[in-house]
Amino acid sequence: MRRKKFNLARKRAMTDIFRKIKKLKTENKKAEAEKLLPLAYKAIDKAAKRGVLKKRTASRKKSQMAKLLKK
């Protein structure tokens, strides 16, 4: 149970930041979204380190976030 709570917290942290970035992107606030990118990377890396995400999945998610902001 304890590990499940920690894993859910890691996943929730990632999805919350993703949502914020996507929302800012749709509102054309690209500069603010780019400021959140390091926080997204940090959340993804922590999840991968703890085994919530696999290494390649984490890499793919990082790439998708960067690609989204580059458009």
N, C-alpha and C. Protein backbone atom coordinates (compact mmCIF):
# COMPACT_ATOMS: atom_id res chain seq x y z
N MET A 1 0.81 -1.20 0.00
CA MET A 1 0.00 0.00 0.00
C MET A 1 0.86 1.27 0.00
N ARG A 2 1.92 1.22 0.79
CA ARG A 2 2.76 2.40 0.92
C ARG A 2 3.43 2.76 -0.41
N ARG A 3 3.96 1.75 -1.08
CA ARG A 3 4.61 1.99 -2.37
C ARG A 3 3.62 2.50 -3.40
N LYS A 4 2.41 1.94 -3.36
CA LYS A 4 1.38 2.36 -4.31
C LYS A 4 1.08 3.85 -4.15
N LYS A 5 1.03 4.32 -2.90
CA LYS A 5 0.77 5.74 -2.65
C LYS A 5 1.90 6.61 -3.21
N PHE A 6 3.14 6.17 -2.99
CA PHE A 6 4.27 6.93 -3.50
C PHE A 6 4.27 6.96 -5.03
N ASN A 7 3.97 5.80 -5.64
CA ASN A 7 3.94 5.72 -7.10
C ASN A 7 2.84 6.60 -7.67
N LEU A 8 1.67 6.58 -7.04
CA LEU A 8 0.57 7.42 -7.51
C LEU A 8 0.92 8.90 -7.39
N ALA A 9 1.63 9.26 -6.32
CA ALA A 9 2.04 10.65 -6.14
C ALA A 9 2.99 11.08 -7.25
N ARG A 10 3.91 10.20 -7.62
CA ARG A 10 4.85 10.50 -8.71
C ARG A 10 4.11 10.67 -10.04
N LYS A 11 3.17 9.77 -10.31
CA LYS A 11 2.39 9.85 -11.55
C LYS A 11 1.55 11.12 -11.57
N ARG A 12 0.95 11.44 -10.45
CA ARG A 12 0.10 12.63 -10.36
C ARG A 12 0.92 13.89 -10.58
N ALA A 13 2.11 13.93 -10.02
CA ALA A 13 2.99 15.09 -10.20
C ALA A 13 3.32 15.28 -11.68
N MET A 14 3.59 14.18 -12.36
CA MET A 14 3.89 14.27 -13.79
C MET A 14 2.69 14.77 -14.58
N THR A 15 1.55 14.17 -14.37
CA THR A 15 0.37 14.54 -15.16
C THR A 15 -0.07 15.97 -14.88
N ASP A 16 0.09 16.42 -13.64
CA ASP A 16 -0.28 17.80 -13.32
C ASP A 16 0.58 18.79 -14.09
N ILE A 17 1.88 18.54 -14.15
CA ILE A 17 2.78 19.44 -14.87
C ILE A 17 2.50 19.38 -16.37
N PHE A 18 2.23 18.17 -16.89
CA PHE A 18 1.89 18.04 -18.31
C PHE A 18 0.67 18.88 -18.65
N ARG A 19 -0.34 18.78 -17.80
CA ARG A 19 -1.58 19.53 -18.04
C ARG A 19 -1.33 21.04 -18.01
N LYS A 20 -0.52 21.49 -17.05
CA LYS A 20 -0.21 22.92 -16.97
C LYS A 20 0.49 23.40 -18.23
N ILE A 21 1.46 22.62 -18.69
CA ILE A 21 2.21 23.00 -19.88
C ILE A 21 1.30 23.04 -21.10
N LYS A 22 0.47 22.02 -21.26
CA LYS A 22 -0.44 21.99 -22.41
C LYS A 22 -1.44 23.14 -22.37
N LYS A 23 -1.91 23.47 -21.17
CA LYS A 23 -2.86 24.57 -21.03
C LYS A 23 -2.20 25.89 -21.41
N LEU A 24 -0.99 26.12 -20.91
CA LEU A 24 -0.27 27.34 -21.25
C LEU A 24 0.02 27.42 -22.74
N LYS A 25 0.32 26.28 -23.33
CA LYS A 25 0.60 26.24 -24.77
C LYS A 25 -0.63 26.64 -25.58
N THR A 26 -1.80 26.14 -25.18
CA THR A 26 -3.02 26.48 -25.90
C THR A 26 -3.41 27.94 -25.70
N GLU A 27 -2.98 28.52 -24.58
CA GLU A 27 -3.25 29.94 -24.30
C GLU A 27 -2.18 30.85 -24.89
N ASN A 28 -1.27 30.28 -25.68
CA ASN A 28 -0.18 31.02 -26.32
C ASN A 28 0.75 31.71 -25.32
N LYS A 29 0.98 31.07 -24.19
CA LYS A 29 1.93 31.57 -23.19
C LYS A 29 3.16 30.66 -23.22
N LYS A 30 3.85 30.71 -24.34
CA LYS A 30 4.96 29.79 -24.58
C LYS A 30 6.11 29.99 -23.59
N ALA A 31 6.40 31.24 -23.25
CA ALA A 31 7.52 31.50 -22.34
C ALA A 31 7.28 30.88 -20.97
N GLU A 32 6.05 31.00 -20.48
CA GLU A 32 5.73 30.42 -19.17
C GLU A 32 5.77 28.89 -19.23
N ALA A 33 5.32 28.34 -20.35
CA ALA A 33 5.34 26.89 -20.51
C ALA A 33 6.77 26.37 -20.53
N GLU A 34 7.67 27.13 -21.18
CA GLU A 34 9.07 26.71 -21.24
C GLU A 34 9.74 26.76 -19.87
N LYS A 35 9.26 27.64 -19.00
CA LYS A 35 9.81 27.69 -17.65
C LYS A 35 9.44 26.44 -16.84
N LEU A 36 8.31 25.83 -17.18
CA LEU A 36 7.87 24.62 -16.48
C LEU A 36 8.52 23.35 -17.02
N LEU A 37 9.17 23.45 -18.16
CA LEU A 37 9.78 22.27 -18.78
C LEU A 37 10.82 21.58 -17.87
N PRO A 38 11.70 22.32 -17.20
CA PRO A 38 12.64 21.64 -16.29
C PRO A 38 11.93 20.90 -15.15
N LEU A 39 10.80 21.45 -14.69
CA LEU A 39 10.04 20.76 -13.64
C LEU A 39 9.43 19.46 -14.17
N ALA A 40 8.99 19.49 -15.41
CA ALA A 40 8.45 18.28 -16.03
C ALA A 40 9.55 17.23 -16.16
N TYR A 41 10.73 17.65 -16.60
CA TYR A 41 11.85 16.73 -16.73
C TYR A 41 12.21 16.12 -15.37
N LYS A 42 12.18 16.95 -14.34
CA LYS A 42 12.51 16.47 -13.01
C LYS A 42 11.51 15.41 -12.55
N ALA A 43 10.22 15.68 -12.77
CA ALA A 43 9.18 14.73 -12.37
C ALA A 43 9.32 13.42 -13.14
N ILE A 44 9.61 13.51 -14.43
CA ILE A 44 9.77 12.30 -15.26
C ILE A 44 10.99 11.51 -14.79
N ASP A 45 12.10 12.20 -14.54
CA ASP A 45 13.32 11.53 -14.11
C ASP A 45 13.14 10.83 -12.76
N LYS A 46 12.44 11.49 -11.85
CA LYS A 46 12.20 10.87 -10.54
C LYS A 46 11.34 9.63 -10.68
N ALA A 47 10.32 9.71 -11.54
CA ALA A 47 9.46 8.56 -11.75
C ALA A 47 10.24 7.40 -12.36
N ALA A 48 11.14 7.71 -13.27
CA ALA A 48 11.95 6.66 -13.89
C ALA A 48 12.93 6.07 -12.89
N LYS A 49 13.48 6.91 -12.05
CA LYS A 49 14.44 6.45 -11.05
C LYS A 49 13.79 5.49 -10.06
N ARG A 50 12.56 5.79 -9.70
CA ARG A 50 11.84 4.98 -8.72
C ARG A 50 11.17 3.75 -9.32
N GLY A 51 11.21 3.64 -10.66
CA GLY A 51 10.63 2.47 -11.29
C GLY A 51 9.16 2.62 -11.65
N VAL A 52 8.63 3.82 -11.54
CA VAL A 52 7.25 4.07 -11.92
C VAL A 52 7.14 4.03 -13.44
N LEU A 53 8.14 4.58 -14.10
CA LEU A 53 8.22 4.55 -15.56
C LEU A 53 9.49 3.79 -15.96
N LYS A 54 9.44 3.19 -17.14
CA LYS A 54 10.66 2.59 -17.66
C LYS A 54 11.52 3.70 -18.27
N LYS A 55 12.79 3.39 -18.44
CA LYS A 55 13.75 4.39 -18.91
C LYS A 55 13.39 4.96 -20.27
N ARG A 56 13.02 4.10 -21.19
CA ARG A 56 12.70 4.57 -22.54
C ARG A 56 11.37 5.31 -22.59
N THR A 57 10.44 4.92 -21.74
CA THR A 57 9.17 5.64 -21.67
C THR A 57 9.41 7.06 -21.17
N ALA A 58 10.27 7.18 -20.18
CA ALA A 58 10.62 8.50 -19.65
C ALA A 58 11.26 9.35 -20.74
N SER A 59 12.17 8.76 -21.49
CA SER A 59 12.84 9.47 -22.56
C SER A 59 11.83 9.94 -23.62
N ARG A 60 10.89 9.06 -23.94
CA ARG A 60 9.88 9.40 -24.94
C ARG A 60 8.99 10.55 -24.45
N LYS A 61 8.61 10.52 -23.19
CA LYS A 61 7.76 11.59 -22.64
C LYS A 61 8.48 12.94 -22.65
N LYS A 62 9.77 12.92 -22.33
CA LYS A 62 10.56 14.15 -22.37
C LYS A 62 10.60 14.71 -23.79
N SER A 63 10.82 13.81 -24.74
CA SER A 63 10.89 14.21 -26.13
C SER A 63 9.56 14.81 -26.59
N GLN A 64 8.46 14.20 -26.18
CA GLN A 64 7.14 14.70 -26.57
C GLN A 64 6.88 16.08 -26.00
N MET A 65 7.31 16.32 -24.77
CA MET A 65 7.09 17.63 -24.16
C MET A 65 7.90 18.70 -24.90
N ALA A 66 9.15 18.37 -25.23
CA ALA A 66 10.00 19.34 -25.95
C ALA A 66 9.43 19.61 -27.33
N LYS A 67 8.95 18.56 -27.98
CA LYS A 67 8.38 18.70 -29.32
C LYS A 67 7.12 19.55 -29.30
N LEU A 68 6.31 19.37 -28.26
CA LEU A 68 5.07 20.15 -28.12
C LEU A 68 5.37 21.63 -28.01
N LEU A 69 6.40 21.99 -27.24
CA LEU A 69 6.72 23.39 -27.03
C LEU A 69 7.45 23.99 -28.24
N LYS A 70 8.05 23.15 -29.05
CA LYS A 70 8.78 23.65 -30.20
C LYS A 70 7.86 24.06 -31.33
N LYS A 71 6.67 23.47 -31.38
CA LYS A 71 5.71 23.77 -32.45
C LYS A 71 5.33 25.23 -32.48
